[in-house]
Protein backbone atom coordinates (compact mmCIF):
# COMPACT_ATOMS: atom_id res chain seq x y z
CA MET A 1 2.36 -42.11 82.10
CA HIS A 2 2.58 -40.25 78.84
CA SER A 3 1.53 -41.36 75.38
CA ILE A 4 3.93 -41.83 72.41
CA SER A 5 2.64 -38.45 70.83
CA GLN A 6 3.40 -36.69 74.38
CA LEU A 7 6.90 -37.76 74.51
CA GLU A 8 7.60 -36.55 70.89
CA LYS A 9 10.04 -33.77 71.19
CA GLN A 10 9.52 -30.28 70.05
CA GLN A 11 12.30 -27.94 69.60
CA VAL A 12 12.05 -24.47 71.53
CA GLY A 13 14.36 -21.68 72.04
CA LEU A 14 15.39 -20.19 75.02
CA ARG A 15 18.12 -17.87 76.41
CA LEU A 16 19.88 -18.65 79.65
CA PRO A 17 22.56 -16.80 81.46
CA LYS A 18 26.13 -17.60 80.47
CA TYR A 19 26.84 -18.66 84.02
CA LEU A 20 23.97 -21.14 84.05
CA VAL A 21 25.08 -22.65 80.74
CA ASP A 22 28.53 -23.09 81.89
CA GLU A 23 27.31 -24.90 85.10
CA ILE A 24 25.10 -27.10 82.79
CA ASP A 25 27.98 -27.93 80.79
CA ALA A 26 30.40 -28.82 83.62
CA PHE A 27 27.64 -31.01 85.17
CA THR A 28 27.00 -32.80 81.98
CA SER A 29 30.58 -33.34 81.26
CA GLN A 30 30.89 -34.80 84.69
CA PHE A 31 27.93 -37.21 84.15
CA SER A 32 28.11 -37.80 80.41
CA ILE A 33 24.46 -36.59 79.83
CA ASN A 34 23.33 -33.78 77.46
CA ARG A 35 22.02 -30.30 78.29
CA THR A 36 18.49 -31.47 77.04
CA ASP A 37 18.33 -34.09 79.67
CA VAL A 38 19.41 -31.74 82.35
CA ILE A 39 17.03 -28.93 81.30
CA ILE A 40 14.06 -31.40 80.91
CA GLU A 41 14.76 -32.80 84.51
CA ALA A 42 14.99 -29.44 85.75
CA ILE A 43 11.56 -28.10 84.18
CA SER A 44 9.99 -31.35 85.28
CA SER A 45 11.10 -31.07 88.90
CA TYR A 46 10.10 -27.45 88.96
CA ILE A 47 6.71 -28.12 87.76
CA SER A 48 6.31 -30.96 90.10
CA GLU A 49 7.25 -28.96 92.98
CA GLN A 50 4.75 -25.94 92.18
CA LYS A 51 1.96 -28.52 91.64
CA ALA A 52 2.64 -29.89 95.12
CA ASN A 53 2.81 -26.41 96.73
CA MET A 54 -0.54 -25.52 95.05
CA PHE A 55 -2.02 -28.78 96.39
CA TYR A 56 -0.94 -28.16 99.88
CA ASN A 57 -1.85 -24.44 99.89
CA GLU A 58 -5.30 -25.53 98.73
CA PHE A 59 -5.42 -28.22 101.44
CA GLU A 60 -4.27 -25.71 104.09
CA SER A 61 -6.84 -23.21 103.06
CA SER A 62 -9.49 -26.01 102.98
CA CYS A 63 -8.52 -27.01 106.57
CA LYS A 64 -8.85 -23.31 107.85
CA GLU A 65 -12.34 -23.09 106.21
CA LEU A 66 -13.41 -26.36 107.81
CA SER A 67 -11.82 -25.22 111.33
CA HIS A 68 -13.83 -21.96 110.93
CA ALA A 69 -17.01 -23.72 109.97
CA ILE A 70 -16.70 -25.95 112.98
CA LYS A 71 -15.97 -23.14 115.27
CA THR A 72 -18.79 -21.03 114.02
CA ASN A 73 -21.14 -24.07 113.74
CA ASP A 74 -21.95 -23.13 110.22
CA THR A 75 -24.28 -26.03 109.19
CA ASP A 76 -24.29 -25.13 105.39
CA SER A 77 -20.43 -25.37 105.11
CA LEU A 78 -20.30 -28.42 107.26
CA LYS A 79 -22.97 -30.14 105.05
CA SER A 80 -21.01 -29.35 102.06
CA PHE A 81 -17.91 -30.62 103.68
CA ASP A 82 -19.77 -33.85 104.54
CA GLU A 83 -20.81 -34.31 100.82
CA LEU A 84 -17.15 -33.67 99.72
CA ILE A 85 -15.88 -36.34 102.22
CA ASN A 86 -18.48 -38.75 101.21
CA GLU A 87 -17.83 -37.99 97.56
CA LEU A 88 -14.00 -38.61 98.16
CA GLU A 89 -14.64 -41.90 99.98
CA ASP A 90 -16.73 -43.38 96.90
């Protein structure tokens, strides 16, 4: 959840291709909302998607690292993974 100060709006300038503005305007008139709401939702969705992608990429990398440590019997790596698991469980 965001604080009141974080929800305060700040004006920014940006330039969009005309075709995109036309699409936004058609969408906003169809659903009786304004451009700002559409752009805020689009940016929020994009950022959430990118954060999810980063999380899953890091998770996949960690799984590969763990798999490699298990296959090579790298006890130092396995200890650090055990410590990480214990920390996450607490």
